[in-house]
Amino acid sequence: MKIIRDIALWIVITVWINFYPDRYRYDTVPQGRHGYWHIDHPWHPYVRFLLPLLLAVWIAYKHFKKRK
C-alpha cells in the first residue's frame, strides 16, 4: 500500500507543478508573496521536469531497497 501512496503523491506533485503554477503579476500584489512554483521564476522550467524525476527516482530507490 505504501507504493500506491507514493505513486499517488508523485502524480499529485507532478500535476501541481506542471498545470497549476502561480500566474499573477507582481505589480498587482504589493506584498510580493507567491507560491513556490511561480511561472515567471527562472527555475520553473527546470523544476517542472527535474523535481518529478527526482521524486520518482527516490520512490523507486525506496521501493527496491526494501526488496533486498
Protein backbone atom coordinates (compact mmCIF):
# COMPACT_ATOMS: atom_id res chain seq x y z
CA MET A 1 0.00 0.00 0.00
CA LYS A 2 2.90 2.36 0.59
CA ILE A 3 3.98 2.16 -3.03
CA ILE A 4 0.47 3.14 -4.15
CA ARG A 5 0.56 6.10 -1.76
CA ASP A 6 3.97 7.13 -3.07
CA ILE A 7 2.86 6.91 -6.70
CA ALA A 8 -0.28 8.93 -5.93
CA LEU A 9 1.88 11.56 -4.22
CA TRP A 10 4.16 11.68 -7.26
CA ILE A 11 1.19 12.19 -9.58
CA VAL A 12 -0.26 14.96 -7.41
CA ILE A 13 3.06 16.84 -7.20
CA THR A 14 3.71 16.46 -10.93
CA VAL A 15 0.27 17.74 -11.89
CA TRP A 16 0.52 20.58 -9.36
CA ILE A 17 3.86 21.81 -10.70
CA ASN A 18 3.03 21.45 -14.38
CA PHE A 19 -0.57 22.59 -14.54
CA TYR A 20 -1.17 24.87 -11.54
CA PRO A 21 1.71 27.35 -11.21
CA ASP A 22 1.16 30.82 -9.79
CA ARG A 23 0.37 33.26 -12.59
CA TYR A 24 -0.47 36.60 -11.02
CA ARG A 25 1.54 39.71 -11.76
CA TYR A 26 3.87 41.20 -9.18
CA ASP A 27 2.62 44.74 -9.73
CA THR A 28 -0.94 43.80 -8.75
CA VAL A 29 0.12 42.13 -5.50
CA PRO A 30 2.00 44.65 -3.36
CA GLN A 31 3.23 42.11 -0.78
CA GLY A 32 5.26 40.27 -3.41
CA ARG A 33 4.42 36.89 -1.89
CA HIS A 34 3.91 33.97 -4.19
CA GLY A 35 3.91 30.20 -4.10
CA TYR A 36 6.90 28.05 -4.86
CA TRP A 37 6.06 27.48 -8.49
CA HIS A 38 5.64 30.96 -9.93
CA ILE A 39 5.52 30.75 -13.73
CA ASP A 40 7.96 33.65 -14.21
CA HIS A 41 10.61 32.23 -11.88
CA PRO A 42 13.82 31.37 -13.76
CA TRP A 43 13.92 27.86 -12.26
CA HIS A 44 10.33 26.98 -13.17
CA PRO A 45 11.19 25.16 -16.46
CA TYR A 46 13.78 23.05 -14.63
CA VAL A 47 11.56 22.34 -11.63
CA ARG A 48 8.74 21.18 -13.92
CA PHE A 49 10.98 18.38 -15.17
CA LEU A 50 13.58 17.68 -12.51
CA LEU A 51 11.53 17.61 -9.31
CA PRO A 52 9.11 14.90 -10.54
CA LEU A 53 12.07 12.97 -11.97
CA LEU A 54 14.00 13.12 -8.68
CA LEU A 55 10.89 12.19 -6.72
CA ALA A 56 10.31 9.18 -9.00
CA VAL A 57 13.93 8.06 -8.55
CA TRP A 58 13.59 8.38 -4.78
CA ILE A 59 10.36 6.35 -4.77
CA ALA A 60 11.94 3.65 -6.95
CA TYR A 61 15.04 3.53 -4.74
CA LYS A 62 12.93 3.24 -1.61
CA HIS A 63 10.79 0.51 -3.18
CA PHE A 64 13.68 -1.61 -4.47
CA LYS A 65 15.73 -1.14 -1.30
CA LYS A 66 13.01 -2.91 0.70
CA ARG A 67 13.10 -5.94 -1.62
CA LYS A 68 16.67 -6.88 -0.66
